[in-house]
mmCIF file of all heavy atoms, coordinates in Angstrom:
data_MODEL
# 
_entry.id   MODEL 
# 
loop_
_atom_site.group_PDB 
_atom_site.id 
_atom_site.type_symbol 
_atom_site.label_atom_id 
_atom_site.label_alt_id 
_atom_site.label_comp_id 
_atom_site.label_asym_id 
_atom_site.label_entity_id 
_atom_site.label_seq_id 
_atom_site.pdbx_PDB_ins_code 
_atom_site.Cartn_x 
_atom_site.Cartn_y 
_atom_site.Cartn_z 
_atom_site.occupancy 
_atom_site.B_iso_or_equiv 
_atom_site.pdbx_formal_charge 
_atom_site.auth_seq_id 
_atom_site.auth_comp_id 
_atom_site.auth_asym_id 
_atom_site.auth_atom_id 
_atom_site.pdbx_PDB_model_num 
ATOM 1   N N   . TYR A 1 1  ? -40.165 -41.831 36.535 1.00 0.00 ? 1  TYR A N   1 
ATOM 2   C CA  . TYR A 1 1  ? -41.072 -41.050 35.701 1.00 0.00 ? 1  TYR A CA  1 
ATOM 3   C C   . TYR A 1 1  ? -41.234 -41.808 34.397 1.00 0.00 ? 1  TYR A C   1 
ATOM 4   O O   . TYR A 1 1  ? -40.253 -42.058 33.711 1.00 0.00 ? 1  TYR A O   1 
ATOM 5   C CB  . TYR A 1 1  ? -40.381 -39.655 35.485 1.00 0.00 ? 1  TYR A CB  1 
ATOM 6   C CG  . TYR A 1 1  ? -41.321 -38.625 34.793 1.00 0.00 ? 1  TYR A CG  1 
ATOM 7   C CD1 . TYR A 1 1  ? -41.784 -37.548 35.514 1.00 0.00 ? 1  TYR A CD1 1 
ATOM 8   C CD2 . TYR A 1 1  ? -41.623 -38.697 33.447 1.00 0.00 ? 1  TYR A CD2 1 
ATOM 9   C CE1 . TYR A 1 1  ? -42.579 -36.564 34.949 1.00 0.00 ? 1  TYR A CE1 1 
ATOM 10  C CE2 . TYR A 1 1  ? -42.399 -37.727 32.859 1.00 0.00 ? 1  TYR A CE2 1 
ATOM 11  C CZ  . TYR A 1 1  ? -42.881 -36.689 33.612 1.00 0.00 ? 1  TYR A CZ  1 
ATOM 12  O OH  . TYR A 1 1  ? -43.626 -35.691 33.014 1.00 0.00 ? 1  TYR A OH  1 
ATOM 13  N N   . LEU A 1 2  ? -42.465 -42.144 34.067 1.00 0.00 ? 2  LEU A N   1 
ATOM 14  C CA  . LEU A 1 2  ? -42.745 -42.950 32.855 1.00 0.00 ? 2  LEU A CA  1 
ATOM 15  C C   . LEU A 1 2  ? -43.684 -42.134 32.004 1.00 0.00 ? 2  LEU A C   1 
ATOM 16  O O   . LEU A 1 2  ? -44.754 -41.674 32.446 1.00 0.00 ? 2  LEU A O   1 
ATOM 17  C CB  . LEU A 1 2  ? -43.393 -44.286 33.232 1.00 0.00 ? 2  LEU A CB  1 
ATOM 18  C CG  . LEU A 1 2  ? -43.769 -45.252 32.114 1.00 0.00 ? 2  LEU A CG  1 
ATOM 19  C CD1 . LEU A 1 2  ? -42.526 -45.632 31.290 1.00 0.00 ? 2  LEU A CD1 1 
ATOM 20  C CD2 . LEU A 1 2  ? -44.413 -46.485 32.662 1.00 0.00 ? 2  LEU A CD2 1 
ATOM 21  N N   . THR A 1 3  ? -43.296 -41.979 30.708 1.00 0.00 ? 3  THR A N   1 
ATOM 22  C CA  . THR A 1 3  ? -44.126 -41.151 29.798 1.00 0.00 ? 3  THR A CA  1 
ATOM 23  C C   . THR A 1 3  ? -45.179 -42.048 29.073 1.00 0.00 ? 3  THR A C   1 
ATOM 24  O O   . THR A 1 3  ? -44.899 -43.200 28.820 1.00 0.00 ? 3  THR A O   1 
ATOM 25  C CB  . THR A 1 3  ? -43.258 -40.428 28.782 1.00 0.00 ? 3  THR A CB  1 
ATOM 26  O OG1 . THR A 1 3  ? -42.477 -41.386 28.067 1.00 0.00 ? 3  THR A OG1 1 
ATOM 27  C CG2 . THR A 1 3  ? -42.374 -39.396 29.424 1.00 0.00 ? 3  THR A CG2 1 
ATOM 28  N N   . LYS A 1 4  ? -46.323 -41.436 28.824 1.00 0.00 ? 4  LYS A N   1 
ATOM 29  C CA  . LYS A 1 4  ? -47.383 -42.120 28.063 1.00 0.00 ? 4  LYS A CA  1 
ATOM 30  C C   . LYS A 1 4  ? -47.158 -41.832 26.598 1.00 0.00 ? 4  LYS A C   1 
ATOM 31  O O   . LYS A 1 4  ? -46.675 -40.753 26.199 1.00 0.00 ? 4  LYS A O   1 
ATOM 32  C CB  . LYS A 1 4  ? -48.732 -41.532 28.459 1.00 0.00 ? 4  LYS A CB  1 
ATOM 33  C CG  . LYS A 1 4  ? -49.141 -41.782 29.903 1.00 0.00 ? 4  LYS A CG  1 
ATOM 34  C CD  . LYS A 1 4  ? -50.479 -41.100 30.209 1.00 0.00 ? 4  LYS A CD  1 
ATOM 35  C CE  . LYS A 1 4  ? -50.907 -41.368 31.627 1.00 0.00 ? 4  LYS A CE  1 
ATOM 36  N NZ  . LYS A 1 4  ? -52.240 -40.657 31.927 1.00 0.00 ? 4  LYS A NZ  1 
ATOM 37  N N   . PRO A 1 5  ? -47.532 -42.793 25.717 1.00 0.00 ? 5  PRO A N   1 
ATOM 38  C CA  . PRO A 1 5  ? -48.107 -44.137 26.044 1.00 0.00 ? 5  PRO A CA  1 
ATOM 39  C C   . PRO A 1 5  ? -47.026 -45.059 26.497 1.00 0.00 ? 5  PRO A C   1 
ATOM 40  O O   . PRO A 1 5  ? -45.870 -44.907 26.126 1.00 0.00 ? 5  PRO A O   1 
ATOM 41  C CB  . PRO A 1 5  ? -48.746 -44.568 24.724 1.00 0.00 ? 5  PRO A CB  1 
ATOM 42  C CG  . PRO A 1 5  ? -47.919 -43.870 23.673 1.00 0.00 ? 5  PRO A CG  1 
ATOM 43  C CD  . PRO A 1 5  ? -47.494 -42.563 24.248 1.00 0.00 ? 5  PRO A CD  1 
ATOM 44  N N   . PHE A 1 6  ? -47.409 -46.050 27.301 1.00 0.00 ? 6  PHE A N   1 
ATOM 45  C CA  . PHE A 1 6  ? -46.430 -47.028 27.773 1.00 0.00 ? 6  PHE A CA  1 
ATOM 46  C C   . PHE A 1 6  ? -47.040 -48.384 27.669 1.00 0.00 ? 6  PHE A C   1 
ATOM 47  O O   . PHE A 1 6  ? -48.230 -48.573 27.566 1.00 0.00 ? 6  PHE A O   1 
ATOM 48  C CB  . PHE A 1 6  ? -46.071 -46.726 29.271 1.00 0.00 ? 6  PHE A CB  1 
ATOM 49  C CG  . PHE A 1 6  ? -47.276 -46.644 30.182 1.00 0.00 ? 6  PHE A CG  1 
ATOM 50  C CD1 . PHE A 1 6  ? -47.798 -47.812 30.711 1.00 0.00 ? 6  PHE A CD1 1 
ATOM 51  C CD2 . PHE A 1 6  ? -47.833 -45.422 30.454 1.00 0.00 ? 6  PHE A CD2 1 
ATOM 52  C CE1 . PHE A 1 6  ? -48.908 -47.715 31.562 1.00 0.00 ? 6  PHE A CE1 1 
ATOM 53  C CE2 . PHE A 1 6  ? -48.932 -45.350 31.278 1.00 0.00 ? 6  PHE A CE2 1 
ATOM 54  C CZ  . PHE A 1 6  ? -49.497 -46.497 31.825 1.00 0.00 ? 6  PHE A CZ  1 
ATOM 55  N N   . HIS A 1 7  ? -46.156 -49.397 27.698 1.00 0.00 ? 7  HIS A N   1 
ATOM 56  C CA  . HIS A 1 7  ? -46.601 -50.794 27.675 1.00 0.00 ? 7  HIS A CA  1 
ATOM 57  C C   . HIS A 1 7  ? -46.744 -51.261 29.114 1.00 0.00 ? 7  HIS A C   1 
ATOM 58  O O   . HIS A 1 7  ? -45.911 -50.957 29.960 1.00 0.00 ? 7  HIS A O   1 
ATOM 59  C CB  . HIS A 1 7  ? -45.588 -51.672 26.939 1.00 0.00 ? 7  HIS A CB  1 
ATOM 60  C CG  . HIS A 1 7  ? -46.117 -53.063 26.600 1.00 0.00 ? 7  HIS A CG  1 
ATOM 61  N ND1 . HIS A 1 7  ? -46.248 -54.039 27.509 1.00 0.00 ? 7  HIS A ND1 1 
ATOM 62  C CD2 . HIS A 1 7  ? -46.587 -53.535 25.413 1.00 0.00 ? 7  HIS A CD2 1 
ATOM 63  C CE1 . HIS A 1 7  ? -46.736 -55.113 26.928 1.00 0.00 ? 7  HIS A CE1 1 
ATOM 64  N NE2 . HIS A 1 7  ? -46.950 -54.829 25.655 1.00 0.00 ? 7  HIS A NE2 1 
ATOM 65  N N   . PRO A 1 8  ? -47.833 -52.054 29.408 1.00 0.00 ? 8  PRO A N   1 
ATOM 66  C CA  . PRO A 1 8  ? -48.014 -52.513 30.772 1.00 0.00 ? 8  PRO A CA  1 
ATOM 67  C C   . PRO A 1 8  ? -46.804 -53.278 31.341 1.00 0.00 ? 8  PRO A C   1 
ATOM 68  O O   . PRO A 1 8  ? -46.570 -53.263 32.521 1.00 0.00 ? 8  PRO A O   1 
ATOM 69  C CB  . PRO A 1 8  ? -49.245 -53.414 30.661 1.00 0.00 ? 8  PRO A CB  1 
ATOM 70  C CG  . PRO A 1 8  ? -50.042 -52.901 29.481 1.00 0.00 ? 8  PRO A CG  1 
ATOM 71  C CD  . PRO A 1 8  ? -48.949 -52.403 28.542 1.00 0.00 ? 8  PRO A CD  1 
ATOM 72  N N   . GLU A 1 9  ? -46.098 -54.003 30.445 1.00 0.00 ? 9  GLU A N   1 
ATOM 73  C CA  . GLU A 1 9  ? -44.922 -54.741 30.901 1.00 0.00 ? 9  GLU A CA  1 
ATOM 74  C C   . GLU A 1 9  ? -43.863 -53.795 31.501 1.00 0.00 ? 9  GLU A C   1 
ATOM 75  O O   . GLU A 1 9  ? -43.195 -54.109 32.453 1.00 0.00 ? 9  GLU A O   1 
ATOM 76  C CB  . GLU A 1 9  ? -44.365 -55.557 29.747 1.00 0.00 ? 9  GLU A CB  1 
ATOM 77  C CG  . GLU A 1 9  ? -45.197 -56.753 29.341 1.00 0.00 ? 9  GLU A CG  1 
ATOM 78  C CD  . GLU A 1 9  ? -45.083 -57.934 30.344 1.00 0.00 ? 9  GLU A CD  1 
ATOM 79  O OE1 . GLU A 1 9  ? -44.211 -57.877 31.234 1.00 0.00 ? 9  GLU A OE1 1 
ATOM 80  O OE2 . GLU A 1 9  ? -45.914 -58.845 30.224 1.00 0.00 ? 9  GLU A OE2 1 
ATOM 81  N N   . GLU A 1 10 ? -43.699 -52.674 30.820 1.00 0.00 ? 10 GLU A N   1 
ATOM 82  C CA  . GLU A 1 10 ? -42.677 -51.701 31.302 1.00 0.00 ? 10 GLU A CA  1 
ATOM 83  C C   . GLU A 1 10 ? -43.121 -51.131 32.637 1.00 0.00 ? 10 GLU A C   1 
ATOM 84  O O   . GLU A 1 10 ? -42.289 -50.966 33.547 1.00 0.00 ? 10 GLU A O   1 
ATOM 85  C CB  . GLU A 1 10 ? -42.465 -50.560 30.265 1.00 0.00 ? 10 GLU A CB  1 
ATOM 86  C CG  . GLU A 1 10 ? -41.359 -49.605 30.766 1.00 0.00 ? 10 GLU A CG  1 
ATOM 87  C CD  . GLU A 1 10 ? -41.068 -48.529 29.768 1.00 0.00 ? 10 GLU A CD  1 
ATOM 88  O OE1 . GLU A 1 10 ? -41.804 -48.380 28.767 1.00 0.00 ? 10 GLU A OE1 1 
ATOM 89  O OE2 . GLU A 1 10 ? -40.112 -47.742 30.010 1.00 0.00 ? 10 GLU A OE2 1 
ATOM 90  N N   . LEU A 1 11 ? -44.375 -50.768 32.754 1.00 0.00 ? 11 LEU A N   1 
ATOM 91  C CA  . LEU A 1 11 ? -44.877 -50.245 34.016 1.00 0.00 ? 11 LEU A CA  1 
ATOM 92  C C   . LEU A 1 11 ? -44.665 -51.255 35.150 1.00 0.00 ? 11 LEU A C   1 
ATOM 93  O O   . LEU A 1 11 ? -44.156 -50.921 36.227 1.00 0.00 ? 11 LEU A O   1 
ATOM 94  C CB  . LEU A 1 11 ? -46.324 -49.864 33.942 1.00 0.00 ? 11 LEU A CB  1 
ATOM 95  C CG  . LEU A 1 11 ? -47.000 -49.406 35.237 1.00 0.00 ? 11 LEU A CG  1 
ATOM 96  C CD1 . LEU A 1 11 ? -46.356 -48.153 35.788 1.00 0.00 ? 11 LEU A CD1 1 
ATOM 97  C CD2 . LEU A 1 11 ? -48.491 -49.189 35.014 1.00 0.00 ? 11 LEU A CD2 1 
ATOM 98  N N   . ALA A 1 12 ? -45.020 -52.528 34.862 1.00 0.00 ? 12 ALA A N   1 
ATOM 99  C CA  . ALA A 1 12 ? -44.871 -53.560 35.885 1.00 0.00 ? 12 ALA A CA  1 
ATOM 100 C C   . ALA A 1 12 ? -43.413 -53.757 36.277 1.00 0.00 ? 12 ALA A C   1 
ATOM 101 O O   . ALA A 1 12 ? -43.105 -53.966 37.445 1.00 0.00 ? 12 ALA A O   1 
ATOM 102 C CB  . ALA A 1 12 ? -45.474 -54.847 35.402 1.00 0.00 ? 12 ALA A CB  1 
ATOM 103 N N   . ALA A 1 13 ? -42.546 -53.711 35.299 1.00 0.00 ? 13 ALA A N   1 
ATOM 104 C CA  . ALA A 1 13 ? -41.099 -53.866 35.580 1.00 0.00 ? 13 ALA A CA  1 
ATOM 105 C C   . ALA A 1 13 ? -40.594 -52.753 36.458 1.00 0.00 ? 13 ALA A C   1 
ATOM 106 O O   . ALA A 1 13 ? -39.812 -52.980 37.382 1.00 0.00 ? 13 ALA A O   1 
ATOM 107 C CB  . ALA A 1 13 ? -40.303 -53.923 34.242 1.00 0.00 ? 13 ALA A CB  1 
ATOM 108 N N   . ARG A 1 14 ? -41.030 -51.534 36.162 1.00 0.00 ? 14 ARG A N   1 
ATOM 109 C CA  . ARG A 1 14 ? -40.555 -50.413 36.967 1.00 0.00 ? 14 ARG A CA  1 
ATOM 110 C C   . ARG A 1 14 ? -41.120 -50.481 38.414 1.00 0.00 ? 14 ARG A C   1 
ATOM 111 O O   . ARG A 1 14 ? -40.442 -50.119 39.362 1.00 0.00 ? 14 ARG A O   1 
ATOM 112 C CB  . ARG A 1 14 ? -40.969 -49.095 36.294 1.00 0.00 ? 14 ARG A CB  1 
ATOM 113 C CG  . ARG A 1 14 ? -40.193 -48.809 35.008 1.00 0.00 ? 14 ARG A CG  1 
ATOM 114 C CD  . ARG A 1 14 ? -40.641 -47.497 34.426 1.00 0.00 ? 14 ARG A CD  1 
ATOM 115 N NE  . ARG A 1 14 ? -39.926 -47.249 33.146 1.00 0.00 ? 14 ARG A NE  1 
ATOM 116 C CZ  . ARG A 1 14 ? -39.228 -46.119 32.886 1.00 0.00 ? 14 ARG A CZ  1 
ATOM 117 N NH1 . ARG A 1 14 ? -39.145 -45.193 33.812 1.00 0.00 ? 14 ARG A NH1 1 
ATOM 118 N NH2 . ARG A 1 14 ? -38.679 -45.972 31.726 1.00 0.00 ? 14 ARG A NH2 1 
ATOM 119 N N   . VAL A 1 15 ? -42.332 -50.945 38.529 1.00 0.00 ? 15 VAL A N   1 
ATOM 120 C CA  . VAL A 1 15 ? -42.950 -51.095 39.871 1.00 0.00 ? 15 VAL A CA  1 
ATOM 121 C C   . VAL A 1 15 ? -42.100 -52.083 40.675 1.00 0.00 ? 15 VAL A C   1 
ATOM 122 O O   . VAL A 1 15 ? -41.778 -51.867 41.831 1.00 0.00 ? 15 VAL A O   1 
ATOM 123 C CB  . VAL A 1 15 ? -44.409 -51.581 39.757 1.00 0.00 ? 15 VAL A CB  1 
ATOM 124 C CG1 . VAL A 1 15 ? -44.929 -52.097 41.116 1.00 0.00 ? 15 VAL A CG1 1 
ATOM 125 C CG2 . VAL A 1 15 ? -45.301 -50.411 39.285 1.00 0.00 ? 15 VAL A CG2 1 
ATOM 126 N N   . GLU A 1 16 ? -41.746 -53.219 40.059 1.00 0.00 ? 16 GLU A N   1 
ATOM 127 C CA  . GLU A 1 16 ? -40.962 -54.265 40.746 1.00 0.00 ? 16 GLU A CA  1 
ATOM 128 C C   . GLU A 1 16 ? -39.613 -53.729 41.161 1.00 0.00 ? 16 GLU A C   1 
ATOM 129 O O   . GLU A 1 16 ? -39.140 -53.988 42.260 1.00 0.00 ? 16 GLU A O   1 
ATOM 130 C CB  . GLU A 1 16 ? -40.819 -55.478 39.838 1.00 0.00 ? 16 GLU A CB  1 
ATOM 131 C CG  . GLU A 1 16 ? -42.123 -56.237 39.632 1.00 0.00 ? 16 GLU A CG  1 
ATOM 132 C CD  . GLU A 1 16 ? -41.924 -57.422 38.701 1.00 0.00 ? 16 GLU A CD  1 
ATOM 133 O OE1 . GLU A 1 16 ? -40.748 -57.787 38.399 1.00 0.00 ? 16 GLU A OE1 1 
ATOM 134 O OE2 . GLU A 1 16 ? -42.960 -58.029 38.271 1.00 0.00 ? 16 GLU A OE2 1 
ATOM 135 N N   . VAL A 1 17 ? -38.962 -52.946 40.289 1.00 0.00 ? 17 VAL A N   1 
ATOM 136 C CA  . VAL A 1 17 ? -37.664 -52.392 40.616 1.00 0.00 ? 17 VAL A CA  1 
ATOM 137 C C   . VAL A 1 17 ? -37.759 -51.441 41.794 1.00 0.00 ? 17 VAL A C   1 
ATOM 138 O O   . VAL A 1 17 ? -36.934 -51.503 42.697 1.00 0.00 ? 17 VAL A O   1 
ATOM 139 C CB  . VAL A 1 17 ? -37.087 -51.688 39.385 1.00 0.00 ? 17 VAL A CB  1 
ATOM 140 C CG1 . VAL A 1 17 ? -35.856 -50.851 39.763 1.00 0.00 ? 17 VAL A CG1 1 
ATOM 141 C CG2 . VAL A 1 17 ? -36.651 -52.681 38.274 1.00 0.00 ? 17 VAL A CG2 1 
ATOM 142 N N   . LEU A 1 18 ? -38.758 -50.578 41.769 1.00 0.00 ? 18 LEU A N   1 
ATOM 143 C CA  . LEU A 1 18 ? -38.903 -49.640 42.866 1.00 0.00 ? 18 LEU A CA  1 
ATOM 144 C C   . LEU A 1 18 ? -39.198 -50.292 44.211 1.00 0.00 ? 18 LEU A C   1 
ATOM 145 O O   . LEU A 1 18 ? -38.697 -49.910 45.223 1.00 0.00 ? 18 LEU A O   1 
ATOM 146 C CB  . LEU A 1 18 ? -40.040 -48.626 42.528 1.00 0.00 ? 18 LEU A CB  1 
ATOM 147 C CG  . LEU A 1 18 ? -39.734 -47.606 41.459 1.00 0.00 ? 18 LEU A CG  1 
ATOM 148 C CD1 . LEU A 1 18 ? -40.948 -46.742 41.197 1.00 0.00 ? 18 LEU A CD1 1 
ATOM 149 C CD2 . LEU A 1 18 ? -38.526 -46.719 41.843 1.00 0.00 ? 18 LEU A CD2 1 
ATOM 150 N N   . LEU A 1 19 ? -39.985 -51.381 44.167 1.00 0.00 ? 19 LEU A N   1 
ATOM 151 C CA  . LEU A 1 19 ? -40.298 -52.097 45.386 1.00 0.00 ? 19 LEU A CA  1 
ATOM 152 C C   . LEU A 1 19 ? -39.028 -52.776 45.952 1.00 0.00 ? 19 LEU A C   1 
ATOM 153 O O   . LEU A 1 19 ? -38.788 -52.774 47.137 1.00 0.00 ? 19 LEU A O   1 
ATOM 154 C CB  . LEU A 1 19 ? -41.397 -53.144 45.132 1.00 0.00 ? 19 LEU A CB  1 
ATOM 155 C CG  . LEU A 1 19 ? -42.810 -52.581 44.978 1.00 0.00 ? 19 LEU A CG  1 
ATOM 156 C CD1 . LEU A 1 19 ? -43.753 -53.649 44.499 1.00 0.00 ? 19 LEU A CD1 1 
ATOM 157 C CD2 . LEU A 1 19 ? -43.331 -52.008 46.308 1.00 0.00 ? 19 LEU A CD2 1 
ATOM 158 N N   . ARG A 1 20 ? -38.261 -53.363 45.066 1.00 0.00 ? 20 ARG A N   1 
ATOM 159 C CA  . ARG A 1 20 ? -36.992 -53.978 45.483 1.00 0.00 ? 20 ARG A CA  1 
ATOM 160 C C   . ARG A 1 20 ? -36.039 -52.944 46.104 1.00 0.00 ? 20 ARG A C   1 
ATOM 161 O O   . ARG A 1 20 ? -35.431 -53.153 47.108 1.00 0.00 ? 20 ARG A O   1 
ATOM 162 C CB  . ARG A 1 20 ? -36.327 -54.734 44.359 1.00 0.00 ? 20 ARG A CB  1 
ATOM 163 C CG  . ARG A 1 20 ? -36.990 -56.034 43.958 1.00 0.00 ? 20 ARG A CG  1 
ATOM 164 C CD  . ARG A 1 20 ? -36.015 -56.944 43.225 1.00 0.00 ? 20 ARG A CD  1 
ATOM 165 N NE  . ARG A 1 20 ? -35.593 -56.342 41.971 1.00 0.00 ? 20 ARG A NE  1 
ATOM 166 C CZ  . ARG A 1 20 ? -36.198 -56.471 40.786 1.00 0.00 ? 20 ARG A CZ  1 
ATOM 167 N NH1 . ARG A 1 20 ? -37.298 -57.166 40.713 1.00 0.00 ? 20 ARG A NH1 1 
ATOM 168 N NH2 . ARG A 1 20 ? -35.698 -55.918 39.703 1.00 0.00 ? 20 ARG A NH2 1 
ATOM 169 N N   . ARG A 1 21 ? -35.941 -51.843 45.381 1.00 0.00 ? 21 ARG A N   1 
ATOM 170 C CA  . ARG A 1 21 ? -35.024 -50.773 45.825 1.00 0.00 ? 21 ARG A CA  1 
ATOM 171 C C   . ARG A 1 21 ? -35.448 -50.239 47.196 1.00 0.00 ? 21 ARG A C   1 
ATOM 172 O O   . ARG A 1 21 ? -34.583 -49.848 47.999 1.00 0.00 ? 21 ARG A O   1 
ATOM 173 C CB  . ARG A 1 21 ? -35.020 -49.630 44.784 1.00 0.00 ? 21 ARG A CB  1 
ATOM 174 C CG  . ARG A 1 21 ? -33.935 -48.589 45.010 1.00 0.00 ? 21 ARG A CG  1 
ATOM 175 C CD  . ARG A 1 21 ? -34.083 -47.486 44.030 1.00 0.00 ? 21 ARG A CD  1 
ATOM 176 N NE  . ARG A 1 21 ? -33.990 -47.946 42.631 1.00 0.00 ? 21 ARG A NE  1 
ATOM 177 C CZ  . ARG A 1 21 ? -34.418 -47.217 41.607 1.00 0.00 ? 21 ARG A CZ  1 
ATOM 178 N NH1 . ARG A 1 21 ? -34.948 -46.023 41.782 1.00 0.00 ? 21 ARG A NH1 1 
ATOM 179 N NH2 . ARG A 1 21 ? -34.298 -47.701 40.382 1.00 0.00 ? 21 ARG A NH2 1 
ATOM 180 N N   . ALA A 1 22 ? -36.716 -50.180 47.434 1.00 0.00 ? 22 ALA A N   1 
ATOM 181 C CA  . ALA A 1 22 ? -37.194 -49.662 48.705 1.00 0.00 ? 22 ALA A CA  1 
ATOM 182 C C   . ALA A 1 22 ? -37.047 -50.676 49.831 1.00 0.00 ? 22 ALA A C   1 
ATOM 183 O O   . ALA A 1 22 ? -37.263 -50.371 50.985 1.00 0.00 ? 22 ALA A O   1 
ATOM 184 C CB  . ALA A 1 22 ? -38.690 -49.284 48.571 1.00 0.00 ? 22 ALA A CB  1 
ATOM 185 N N   . GLY A 1 23 ? -36.635 -51.892 49.501 1.00 0.00 ? 23 GLY A N   1 
ATOM 186 C CA  . GLY A 1 23 ? -36.410 -52.895 50.525 1.00 0.00 ? 23 GLY A CA  1 
ATOM 187 C C   . GLY A 1 23 ? -37.724 -53.471 51.080 1.00 0.00 ? 23 GLY A C   1 
ATOM 188 O O   . GLY A 1 23 ? -37.688 -54.125 52.127 1.00 0.00 ? 23 GLY A O   1 
ATOM 189 N N   . LYS A 1 24 ? -38.804 -53.253 50.349 1.00 0.00 ? 24 LYS A N   1 
ATOM 190 C CA  . LYS A 1 24 ? -40.075 -53.750 50.840 1.00 0.00 ? 24 LYS A CA  1 
ATOM 191 C C   . LYS A 1 24 ? -40.485 -55.045 50.200 1.00 0.00 ? 24 LYS A C   1 
ATOM 192 O O   . LYS A 1 24 ? -41.430 -55.675 50.571 1.00 0.00 ? 24 LYS A O   1 
ATOM 193 C CB  . LYS A 1 24 ? -41.171 -52.709 50.569 1.00 0.00 ? 24 LYS A CB  1 
ATOM 194 C CG  . LYS A 1 24 ? -41.009 -51.449 51.413 1.00 0.00 ? 24 LYS A CG  1 
ATOM 195 C CD  . LYS A 1 24 ? -42.229 -50.563 51.242 1.00 0.00 ? 24 LYS A CD  1 
ATOM 196 C CE  . LYS A 1 24 ? -42.151 -49.367 52.166 1.00 0.00 ? 24 LYS A CE  1 
ATOM 197 N NZ  . LYS A 1 24 ? -43.347 -48.527 52.143 1.00 0.00 ? 24 LYS A NZ  1 
ATOM 198 N N   . ASP A 1 25 ? -39.760 -55.424 49.155 1.00 0.00 ? 25 ASP A N   1 
ATOM 199 C CA  . ASP A 1 25 ? -40.136 -56.602 48.384 1.00 0.00 ? 25 ASP A CA  1 
ATOM 200 C C   . ASP A 1 25 ? -39.299 -57.793 48.871 1.00 0.00 ? 25 ASP A C   1 
ATOM 201 O O   . ASP A 1 25 ? -38.344 -58.193 48.220 1.00 0.00 ? 25 ASP A O   1 
ATOM 202 C CB  . ASP A 1 25 ? -39.908 -56.356 46.872 1.00 0.00 ? 25 ASP A CB  1 
ATOM 203 C CG  . ASP A 1 25 ? -40.769 -57.268 46.019 1.00 0.00 ? 25 ASP A CG  1 
ATOM 204 O OD1 . ASP A 1 25 ? -41.514 -58.087 46.594 1.00 0.00 ? 25 ASP A OD1 1 
ATOM 205 O OD2 . ASP A 1 25 ? -40.649 -57.184 44.800 1.00 0.00 ? 25 ASP A OD2 1 
# 
């Protein structure tokens, strides 16, 4: 869960973490 406003770098970092955690990356 990410609150607005947010920095694109933080969003991208969270996306990468979730993909790794899901074992899809």
